[in-house]
Amino acid sequence: RIDISINMEKTGANIKSQIKAKGYSVKDIMEITGV
């Protein structure tokens, strides 16, 4: 069995950091992803 879990807090911080580093706004991400 392979036991893994996604670290939600660190993943969230990583997503935010990656998005900000590329210069996208929340509104940009909404438009691109359909959220």
Full PDB file with SEQRES, HELIX, SHEET, SSBOND, CRYST1, ORIGX, SCALE, CONECT and MASTER records, all heavy atoms in Angstrom:
SEQRES   1 A   35  ARG ILE ASP ILE SER ILE ASN MET GLU LYS THR GLY ALA          
SEQRES   2 A   35  ASN ILE LYS SER GLN ILE LYS ALA LYS GLY TYR SER VAL          
SEQRES   3 A   35  LYS ASP ILE MET GLU ILE THR GLY VAL                          
HELIX    1 AA1 MET A    8  ALA A   21  1                                  14    
HELIX    2 AA2 VAL A   26  THR A   33  1                                   8    
CRYST1    1.000    1.000    1.000  90.00  90.00  90.00 P 1           1          
ORIGX1      1.000000  0.000000  0.000000        0.00000                         
ORIGX2      0.000000  1.000000  0.000000        0.00000                         
ORIGX3      0.000000  0.000000  1.000000        0.00000                         
SCALE1      1.000000  0.000000  0.000000        0.00000                         
SCALE2      0.000000  1.000000  0.000000        0.00000                         
SCALE3      0.000000  0.000000  1.000000        0.00000                         
ATOM      1  N   ARG A   1       0.841  -1.186   0.000  1.00  0.00           N  
ATOM      2  CA  ARG A   1       0.000   0.000   0.000  1.00  0.00           C  
ATOM      3  C   ARG A   1       0.884   1.246   0.000  1.00  0.00           C  
ATOM      4  O   ARG A   1       1.884   1.311   0.701  1.00  0.00           O  
ATOM      5  CB  ARG A   1      -0.879   0.008   1.244  1.00  0.00           C  
ATOM      6  CG  ARG A   1      -1.782   1.199   1.321  1.00  0.00           C  
ATOM      7  CD  ARG A   1      -2.521   1.203   2.644  1.00  0.00           C  
ATOM      8  NE  ARG A   1      -3.107   2.489   2.844  1.00  0.00           N  
ATOM      9  CZ  ARG A   1      -4.406   2.694   2.939  1.00  0.00           C  
ATOM     10  NH1 ARG A   1      -5.241   1.706   2.877  1.00  0.00           N  
ATOM     11  NH2 ARG A   1      -4.869   3.908   3.111  1.00  0.00           N  
ATOM     12  N   ILE A   2       0.500   2.225  -0.794  1.00  0.00           N  
ATOM     13  CA  ILE A   2       1.221   3.485  -0.846  1.00  0.00           C  
ATOM     14  C   ILE A   2       0.395   4.511  -0.098  1.00  0.00           C  
ATOM     15  O   ILE A   2      -0.726   4.814  -0.486  1.00  0.00           O  
ATOM     16  CB  ILE A   2       1.455   3.937  -2.304  1.00  0.00           C  
ATOM     17  CG1 ILE A   2       2.281   2.899  -3.048  1.00  0.00           C  
ATOM     18  CG2 ILE A   2       2.128   5.294  -2.333  1.00  0.00           C  
ATOM     19  CD1 ILE A   2       2.446   3.191  -4.529  1.00  0.00           C  
ATOM     20  N   ASP A   3       0.944   4.986   1.009  1.00  0.00           N  
ATOM     21  CA  ASP A   3       0.240   5.974   1.821  1.00  0.00           C  
ATOM     22  C   ASP A   3       0.796   7.359   1.556  1.00  0.00           C  
ATOM     23  O   ASP A   3       1.970   7.618   1.794  1.00  0.00           O  
ATOM     24  CB  ASP A   3       0.388   5.660   3.313  1.00  0.00           C  
ATOM     25  CG  ASP A   3      -0.402   4.441   3.714  1.00  0.00           C  
ATOM     26  OD1 ASP A   3      -1.546   4.311   3.253  1.00  0.00           O  
ATOM     27  OD2 ASP A   3       0.113   3.628   4.492  1.00  0.00           O  
ATOM     28  N   ILE A   4      -0.039   8.227   1.043  1.00  0.00           N  
ATOM     29  CA  ILE A   4       0.337   9.621   0.834  1.00  0.00           C  
ATOM     30  C   ILE A   4      -0.844  10.482   1.246  1.00  0.00           C  
ATOM     31  O   ILE A   4      -1.973  10.014   1.330  1.00  0.00           O  
ATOM     32  CB  ILE A   4       0.716   9.941  -0.633  1.00  0.00           C  
ATOM     33  CG1 ILE A   4      -0.491   9.737  -1.545  1.00  0.00           C  
ATOM     34  CG2 ILE A   4       1.906   9.145  -1.080  1.00  0.00           C  
ATOM     35  CD1 ILE A   4      -0.346  10.415  -2.881  1.00  0.00           C  
ATOM     36  N   SER A   5      -0.557  11.726   1.483  1.00  0.00           N  
ATOM     37  CA  SER A   5      -1.646  12.681   1.691  1.00  0.00           C  
ATOM     38  C   SER A   5      -1.180  14.033   1.170  1.00  0.00           C  
ATOM     39  O   SER A   5       0.007  14.352   1.211  1.00  0.00           O  
ATOM     40  CB  SER A   5      -2.052  12.769   3.160  1.00  0.00           C  
ATOM     41  OG  SER A   5      -1.001  13.300   3.936  1.00  0.00           O  
ATOM     42  N   ILE A   6      -2.127  14.786   0.686  1.00  0.00           N  
ATOM     43  CA  ILE A   6      -1.829  16.124   0.199  1.00  0.00           C  
ATOM     44  C   ILE A   6      -1.848  17.060   1.396  1.00  0.00           C  
ATOM     45  O   ILE A   6      -2.822  17.104   2.144  1.00  0.00           O  
ATOM     46  CB  ILE A   6      -2.860  16.570  -0.851  1.00  0.00           C  
ATOM     47  CG1 ILE A   6      -2.782  15.657  -2.077  1.00  0.00           C  
ATOM     48  CG2 ILE A   6      -2.641  18.033  -1.237  1.00  0.00           C  
ATOM     49  CD1 ILE A   6      -3.894  15.862  -3.077  1.00  0.00           C  
ATOM     50  N   ASN A   7      -0.764  17.794   1.589  1.00  0.00           N  
ATOM     51  CA  ASN A   7      -0.713  18.787   2.650  1.00  0.00           C  
ATOM     52  C   ASN A   7      -1.485  20.001   2.138  1.00  0.00           C  
ATOM     53  O   ASN A   7      -1.000  20.760   1.302  1.00  0.00           O  
ATOM     54  CB  ASN A   7       0.735  19.152   2.973  1.00  0.00           C  
ATOM     55  CG  ASN A   7       0.835  20.104   4.139  1.00  0.00           C  
ATOM     56  OD1 ASN A   7       0.136  21.110   4.202  1.00  0.00           O  
ATOM     57  ND2 ASN A   7       1.718  19.795   5.061  1.00  0.00           N  
ATOM     58  N   MET A   8      -2.700  20.143   2.632  1.00  0.00           N  
ATOM     59  CA  MET A   8      -3.618  21.165   2.113  1.00  0.00           C  
ATOM     60  C   MET A   8      -3.077  22.579   2.312  1.00  0.00           C  
ATOM     61  O   MET A   8      -3.126  23.403   1.411  1.00  0.00           O  
ATOM     62  CB  MET A   8      -4.983  21.022   2.779  1.00  0.00           C  
ATOM     63  CG  MET A   8      -5.650  19.678   2.553  1.00  0.00           C  
ATOM     64  SD  MET A   8      -6.297  19.495   0.901  1.00  0.00           S  
ATOM     65  CE  MET A   8      -7.780  20.455   1.058  1.00  0.00           C  
ATOM     66  N   GLU A   9      -2.572  22.854   3.515  1.00  0.00           N  
ATOM     67  CA  GLU A   9      -2.101  24.202   3.821  1.00  0.00           C  
ATOM     68  C   GLU A   9      -0.901  24.594   2.944  1.00  0.00           C  
ATOM     69  O   GLU A   9      -0.867  25.680   2.356  1.00  0.00           O  
ATOM     70  CB  GLU A   9      -1.714  24.276   5.303  1.00  0.00           C  
ATOM     71  CG  GLU A   9      -1.834  25.659   5.885  1.00  0.00           C  
ATOM     72  CD  GLU A   9      -1.707  25.613   7.400  1.00  0.00           C  
ATOM     73  OE1 GLU A   9      -2.678  25.212   8.064  1.00  0.00           O  
ATOM     74  OE2 GLU A   9      -0.619  25.975   7.890  1.00  0.00           O  
ATOM     75  N   LYS A  10       0.063  23.690   2.846  1.00  0.00           N  
ATOM     76  CA  LYS A  10       1.245  23.974   2.029  1.00  0.00           C  
ATOM     77  C   LYS A  10       0.906  24.011   0.542  1.00  0.00           C  
ATOM     78  O   LYS A  10       1.460  24.805  -0.213  1.00  0.00           O  
ATOM     79  CB  LYS A  10       2.348  22.958   2.302  1.00  0.00           C  
ATOM     80  CG  LYS A  10       2.987  23.131   3.658  1.00  0.00           C  
ATOM     81  CD  LYS A  10       4.099  22.119   3.886  1.00  0.00           C  
ATOM     82  CE  LYS A  10       4.719  22.300   5.259  1.00  0.00           C  
ATOM     83  NZ  LYS A  10       5.763  21.274   5.505  1.00  0.00           N  
ATOM     84  N   THR A  11      -0.020  23.151   0.120  1.00  0.00           N  
ATOM     85  CA  THR A  11      -0.444  23.169  -1.276  1.00  0.00           C  
ATOM     86  C   THR A  11      -1.120  24.489  -1.600  1.00  0.00           C  
ATOM     87  O   THR A  11      -0.853  25.093  -2.642  1.00  0.00           O  
ATOM     88  CB  THR A  11      -1.378  21.976  -1.589  1.00  0.00           C  
ATOM     89  OG1 THR A  11      -0.616  20.765  -1.472  1.00  0.00           O  
ATOM     90  CG2 THR A  11      -1.955  22.071  -2.991  1.00  0.00           C  
ATOM     91  N   GLY A  12      -1.981  24.956  -0.710  1.00  0.00           N  
ATOM     92  CA  GLY A  12      -2.653  26.241  -0.915  1.00  0.00           C  
ATOM     93  C   GLY A  12      -1.665  27.385  -1.039  1.00  0.00           C  
ATOM     94  O   GLY A  12      -1.767  28.233  -1.934  1.00  0.00           O  
ATOM     95  N   ALA A  13      -0.685  27.396  -0.138  1.00  0.00           N  
ATOM     96  CA  ALA A  13       0.340  28.438  -0.180  1.00  0.00           C  
ATOM     97  C   ALA A  13       1.155  28.347  -1.470  1.00  0.00           C  
ATOM     98  O   ALA A  13       1.501  29.370  -2.071  1.00  0.00           O  
ATOM     99  CB  ALA A  13       1.256  28.324   1.034  1.00  0.00           C  
ATOM    100  N   ASN A  14       1.411  27.118  -1.915  1.00  0.00           N  
ATOM    101  CA  ASN A  14       2.157  26.915  -3.154  1.00  0.00           C  
ATOM    102  C   ASN A  14       1.366  27.393  -4.366  1.00  0.00           C  
ATOM    103  O   ASN A  14       1.903  28.056  -5.254  1.00  0.00           O  
ATOM    104  CB  ASN A  14       2.538  25.442  -3.307  1.00  0.00           C  
ATOM    105  CG  ASN A  14       3.441  25.209  -4.483  1.00  0.00           C  
ATOM    106  OD1 ASN A  14       4.412  25.941  -4.703  1.00  0.00           O  
ATOM    107  ND2 ASN A  14       3.136  24.190  -5.258  1.00  0.00           N  
ATOM    108  N   ILE A  15       0.087  27.056  -4.404  1.00  0.00           N  
ATOM    109  CA  ILE A  15      -0.768  27.504  -5.515  1.00  0.00           C  
ATOM    110  C   ILE A  15      -0.775  29.031  -5.570  1.00  0.00           C  
ATOM    111  O   ILE A  15      -0.584  29.625  -6.634  1.00  0.00           O  
ATOM    112  CB  ILE A  15      -2.201  26.937  -5.369  1.00  0.00           C  
ATOM    113  CG1 ILE A  15      -2.203  25.427  -5.620  1.00  0.00           C  
ATOM    114  CG2 ILE A  15      -3.170  27.649  -6.324  1.00  0.00           C  
ATOM    115  CD1 ILE A  15      -3.520  24.741  -5.293  1.00  0.00           C  
ATOM    116  N   LYS A  16      -0.979  29.650  -4.426  1.00  0.00           N  
ATOM    117  CA  LYS A  16      -1.005  31.111  -4.366  1.00  0.00           C  
ATOM    118  C   LYS A  16       0.326  31.694  -4.849  1.00  0.00           C  
ATOM    119  O   LYS A  16       0.349  32.624  -5.661  1.00  0.00           O  
ATOM    120  CB  LYS A  16      -1.298  31.571  -2.938  1.00  0.00           C  
ATOM    121  CG  LYS A  16      -1.378  33.067  -2.775  1.00  0.00           C  
ATOM    122  CD  LYS A  16      -1.715  33.439  -1.340  1.00  0.00           C  
ATOM    123  CE  LYS A  16      -1.844  34.947  -1.186  1.00  0.00           C  
ATOM    124  NZ  LYS A  16      -2.205  35.308   0.195  1.00  0.00           N  
ATOM    125  N   SER A  17       1.409  31.144  -4.363  1.00  0.00           N  
ATOM    126  CA  SER A  17       2.739  31.630  -4.732  1.00  0.00           C  
ATOM    127  C   SER A  17       3.009  31.484  -6.230  1.00  0.00           C  
ATOM    128  O   SER A  17       3.508  32.413  -6.878  1.00  0.00           O  
ATOM    129  CB  SER A  17       3.786  30.848  -3.929  1.00  0.00           C  
ATOM    130  OG  SER A  17       5.074  31.144  -4.380  1.00  0.00           O  
ATOM    131  N   GLN A  18       2.663  30.333  -6.770  1.00  0.00           N  
ATOM    132  CA  GLN A  18       2.881  30.081  -8.202  1.00  0.00           C  
ATOM    133  C   GLN A  18       2.047  31.039  -9.064  1.00  0.00           C  
ATOM    134  O   GLN A  18       2.532  31.570 -10.067  1.00  0.00           O  
ATOM    135  CB  GLN A  18       2.512  28.627  -8.554  1.00  0.00           C  
ATOM    136  CG  GLN A  18       3.360  27.587  -7.876  1.00  0.00           C  
ATOM    137  CD  GLN A  18       4.603  27.236  -8.661  1.00  0.00           C  
ATOM    138  OE1 GLN A  18       4.900  27.785  -9.711  1.00  0.00           O  
ATOM    139  NE2 GLN A  18       5.354  26.292  -8.134  1.00  0.00           N  
ATOM    140  N   ILE A  19       0.796  31.253  -8.672  1.00  0.00           N  
ATOM    141  CA  ILE A  19      -0.091  32.153  -9.420  1.00  0.00           C  
ATOM    142  C   ILE A  19       0.428  33.586  -9.358  1.00  0.00           C  
ATOM    143  O   ILE A  19       0.497  34.280 -10.374  1.00  0.00           O  
ATOM    144  CB  ILE A  19      -1.544  32.042  -8.895  1.00  0.00           C  
ATOM    145  CG1 ILE A  19      -2.149  30.701  -9.339  1.00  0.00           C  
ATOM    146  CG2 ILE A  19      -2.401  33.213  -9.373  1.00  0.00           C  
ATOM    147  CD1 ILE A  19      -3.496  30.373  -8.719  1.00  0.00           C  
ATOM    148  N   LYS A  20       0.790  34.029  -8.158  1.00  0.00           N  
ATOM    149  CA  LYS A  20       1.303  35.395  -7.991  1.00  0.00           C  
ATOM    150  C   LYS A  20       2.608  35.597  -8.767  1.00  0.00           C  
ATOM    151  O   LYS A  20       2.815  36.651  -9.366  1.00  0.00           O  
ATOM    152  CB  LYS A  20       1.538  35.711  -6.509  1.00  0.00           C  
ATOM    153  CG  LYS A  20       0.294  35.656  -5.655  1.00  0.00           C  
ATOM    154  CD  LYS A  20      -0.541  36.875  -5.830  1.00  0.00           C  
ATOM    155  CE  LYS A  20      -1.732  36.805  -4.884  1.00  0.00           C  
ATOM    156  NZ  LYS A  20      -2.732  37.789  -5.173  1.00  0.00           N  
ATOM    157  N   ALA A  21       3.489  34.587  -8.749  1.00  0.00           N  
ATOM    158  CA  ALA A  21       4.780  34.692  -9.438  1.00  0.00           C  
ATOM    159  C   ALA A  21       4.608  34.882 -10.947  1.00  0.00           C  
ATOM    160  O   ALA A  21       5.433  35.534 -11.589  1.00  0.00           O  
ATOM    161  CB  ALA A  21       5.626  33.449  -9.162  1.00  0.00           C  
ATOM    162  N   LYS A  22       3.525  34.338 -11.494  1.00  0.00           N  
ATOM    163  CA  LYS A  22       3.256  34.497 -12.929  1.00  0.00           C  
ATOM    164  C   LYS A  22       2.438  35.751 -13.223  1.00  0.00           C  
ATOM    165  O   LYS A  22       2.136  36.050 -14.374  1.00  0.00           O  
ATOM    166  CB  LYS A  22       2.521  33.272 -13.474  1.00  0.00           C  
ATOM    167  CG  LYS A  22       3.371  32.026 -13.504  1.00  0.00           C  
ATOM    168  CD  LYS A  22       4.455  32.118 -14.554  1.00  0.00           C  
ATOM    169  CE  LYS A  22       5.229  30.820 -14.602  1.00  0.00           C  
ATOM    170  NZ  LYS A  22       6.225  30.779 -15.640  1.00  0.00           N  
ATOM    171  N   GLY A  23       2.046  36.470 -12.183  1.00  0.00           N  
ATOM    172  CA  GLY A  23       1.344  37.730 -12.377  1.00  0.00           C  
ATOM    173  C   GLY A  23      -0.150  37.626 -12.619  1.00  0.00           C  
ATOM    174  O   GLY A  23      -0.775  38.582 -13.060  1.00  0.00           O  
ATOM    175  N   TYR A  24      -0.740  36.485 -12.303  1.00  0.00           N  
ATOM    176  CA  TYR A  24      -2.182  36.326 -12.485  1.00  0.00           C  
ATOM    177  C   TYR A  24      -2.935  36.841 -11.268  1.00  0.00           C  
ATOM    178  O   TYR A  24      -2.500  36.662 -10.134  1.00  0.00           O  
ATOM    179  CB  TYR A  24      -2.554  34.854 -12.699  1.00  0.00           C  
ATOM    180  CG  TYR A  24      -2.104  34.282 -14.020  1.00  0.00           C  
ATOM    181  CD1 TYR A  24      -1.071  33.349 -14.077  1.00  0.00           C  
ATOM    182  CD2 TYR A  24      -2.716  34.670 -15.203  1.00  0.00           C  
ATOM    183  CE1 TYR A  24      -0.665  32.814 -15.286  1.00  0.00           C  
ATOM    184  CE2 TYR A  24      -2.315  34.137 -16.419  1.00  0.00           C  
ATOM    185  CZ  TYR A  24      -1.286  33.218 -16.444  1.00  0.00           C  
ATOM    186  OH  TYR A  24      -0.886  32.685 -17.639  1.00  0.00           O  
ATOM    187  N   SER A  25      -4.090  37.442 -11.505  1.00  0.00           N  
ATOM    188  CA  SER A  25      -4.979  37.865 -10.425  1.00  0.00           C  
ATOM    189  C   SER A  25      -6.021  36.773 -10.186  1.00  0.00           C  
ATOM    190  O   SER A  25      -6.162  35.841 -10.988  1.00  0.00           O  
ATOM    191  CB  SER A  25      -5.691  39.163 -10.811  1.00  0.00           C  
ATOM    192  OG  SER A  25      -6.625  38.919 -11.862  1.00  0.00           O  
ATOM    193  N   VAL A  26      -6.760  36.917  -9.100  1.00  0.00           N  
ATOM    194  CA  VAL A  26      -7.851  35.979  -8.820  1.00  0.00           C  
ATOM    195  C   VAL A  26      -8.866  36.005  -9.963  1.00  0.00           C  
ATOM    196  O   VAL A  26      -9.346  34.968 -10.407  1.00  0.00           O  
ATOM    197  CB  VAL A  26      -8.516  36.300  -7.462  1.00  0.00           C  
ATOM    198  CG1 VAL A  26      -9.793  35.514  -7.270  1.00  0.00           C  
ATOM    199  CG2 VAL A  26      -7.541  36.039  -6.321  1.00  0.00           C  
ATOM    200  N   LYS A  27      -9.165  37.191 -10.457  1.00  0.00           N  
ATOM    201  CA  LYS A  27     -10.126  37.308 -11.571  1.00  0.00           C  
ATOM    202  C   LYS A  27      -9.600  36.611 -12.828  1.00  0.00           C  
ATOM    203  O   LYS A  27     -10.367  35.977 -13.560  1.00  0.00           O  
ATOM    204  CB  LYS A  27     -10.443  38.770 -11.848  1.00  0.00           C  
ATOM    205  CG  LYS A  27     -11.130  39.437 -10.667  1.00  0.00           C  
ATOM    206  CD  LYS A  27     -12.324  40.224 -11.099  1.00  0.00           C  
ATOM    207  CE  LYS A  27     -12.916  40.964  -9.927  1.00  0.00           C  
ATOM    208  NZ  LYS A  27     -14.100  40.383  -9.390  1.00  0.00           N  
ATOM    209  N   ASP A  28      -8.290  36.730 -13.088  1.00  0.00           N  
ATOM    210  CA  ASP A  28      -7.692  36.022 -14.228  1.00  0.00           C  
ATOM    211  C   ASP A  28      -7.897  34.519 -14.088  1.00  0.00           C  
ATOM    212  O   ASP A  28      -8.300  33.843 -15.037  1.00  0.00           O  
ATOM    213  CB  ASP A  28      -6.182  36.287 -14.326  1.00  0.00           C  
ATOM    214  CG  ASP A  28      -5.818  37.716 -14.648  1.00  0.00           C  
ATOM    215  OD1 ASP A  28      -6.633  38.412 -15.292  1.00  0.00           O  
ATOM    216  OD2 ASP A  28      -4.709  38.134 -14.256  1.00  0.00           O  
ATOM    217  N   ILE A  29      -7.610  34.009 -12.895  1.00  0.00           N  
ATOM    218  CA  ILE A  29      -7.735  32.569 -12.654  1.00  0.00           C  
ATOM    219  C   ILE A  29      -9.184  32.124 -12.794  1.00  0.00           C  
ATOM    220  O   ILE A  29      -9.468  31.060 -13.354  1.00  0.00           O  
ATOM    221  CB  ILE A  29      -7.162  32.193 -11.273  1.00  0.00           C  
ATOM    222  CG1 ILE A  29      -5.661  32.498 -11.219  1.00  0.00           C  
ATOM    223  CG2 ILE A  29      -7.427  30.733 -10.933  1.00  0.00           C  
ATOM    224  CD1 ILE A  29      -4.810  31.815 -12.264  1.00  0.00           C  
ATOM    225  N   MET A  30     -10.110  32.946 -12.341  1.00  0.00           N  
ATOM    226  CA  MET A  30     -11.531  32.625 -12.504  1.00  0.00           C  
ATOM    227  C   MET A  30     -11.882  32.498 -13.979  1.00  0.00           C  
ATOM    228  O   MET A  30     -12.556  31.550 -14.392  1.00  0.00           O  
ATOM    229  CB  MET A  30     -12.406  33.710 -11.857  1.00  0.00           C  
ATOM    230  CG  MET A  30     -12.384  33.698 -10.347  1.00  0.00           C  
ATOM    231  SD  MET A  30     -13.277  35.092  -9.622  1.00  0.00           S  
ATOM    232  CE  MET A  30     -14.935  34.798 -10.226  1.00  0.00           C  
ATOM    233  N   GLU A  31     -11.424  33.454 -14.777  1.00  0.00           N  
ATOM    234  CA  GLU A  31     -11.738  33.447 -16.204  1.00  0.00           C  
ATOM    235  C   GLU A  31     -11.105  32.253 -16.914  1.00  0.00           C  
ATOM    236  O   GLU A  31     -11.744  31.586 -17.721  1.00  0.00           O  
ATOM    237  CB  GLU A  31     -11.250  34.749 -16.842  1.00  0.00           C  
ATOM    238  CG  GLU A  31     -11.668  34.895 -18.289  1.00  0.00           C  
ATOM    239  CD  GLU A  31     -11.312  36.254 -18.857  1.00  0.00           C  
ATOM    240  OE1 GLU A  31     -11.351  37.253 -18.111  1.00  0.00           O  
ATOM    241  OE2 GLU A  31     -10.986  36.293 -20.051  1.00  0.00           O  
ATOM    242  N   ILE A  32      -9.861  31.963 -16.586  1.00  0.00           N  
ATOM    243  CA  ILE A  32      -9.134  30.881 -17.257  1.00  0.00           C  
ATOM    244  C   ILE A  32      -9.695  29.510 -16.893  1.00  0.00           C  
ATOM    245  O   ILE A  32      -9.827  28.643 -17.751  1.00  0.00           O  
ATOM    246  CB  ILE A  32      -7.633  30.952 -16.895  1.00  0.00           C  
ATOM    247  CG1 ILE A  32      -7.009  32.214 -17.497  1.00  0.00           C  
ATOM    248  CG2 ILE A  32      -6.892  29.709 -17.364  1.00  0.00           C  
ATOM    249  CD1 ILE A  32      -5.641  32.568 -16.930  1.00  0.00           C  
ATOM    250  N   THR A  33     -10.026  29.318 -15.613  1.00  0.00           N  
ATOM    251  CA  THR A  33     -10.444  27.995 -15.147  1.00  0.00           C  
ATOM    252  C   THR A  33     -11.953  27.774 -15.187  1.00  0.00           C  
ATOM    253  O   THR A  33     -12.406  26.635 -15.108  1.00  0.00           O  
ATOM    254  CB  THR A  33      -9.980  27.758 -13.696  1.00  0.00           C  
ATOM    255  OG1 THR A  33     -10.601  28.730 -12.845  1.00  0.00           O  
ATOM    256  CG2 THR A  33      -8.465  27.820 -13.585  1.00  0.00           C  
ATOM    257  N   GLY A  34     -12.708  28.853 -15.258  1.00  0.00           N  
ATOM    258  CA  GLY A  34     -14.163  28.712 -15.218  1.00  0.00           C  
ATOM    259  C   GLY A  34     -14.724  28.641 -13.811  1.00  0.00           C  
ATOM    260  O   GLY A  34     -15.920  28.412 -13.627  1.00  0.00           O  
ATOM    261  N   VAL A  35     -13.877  28.858 -12.818  1.00  0.00           N  
ATOM    262  CA  VAL A  35     -14.351  28.912 -11.426  1.00  0.00           C  
ATOM    263  C   VAL A  35     -15.210  30.162 -11.294  1.00  0.00           C  
ATOM    264  O   VAL A  35     -14.834  31.234 -11.760  1.00  0.00           O  
ATOM    265  CB  VAL A  35     -13.151  28.941 -10.448  1.00  0.00           C  
ATOM    266  CG1 VAL A  35     -13.604  29.206  -9.030  1.00  0.00           C  
ATOM    267  CG2 VAL A  35     -12.378  27.633 -10.529  1.00  0.00           C  
TER     268      VAL A  35                                                      
MASTER        0    0    0    2    0    0    0    6  267    1    0    3          
END                                                                             
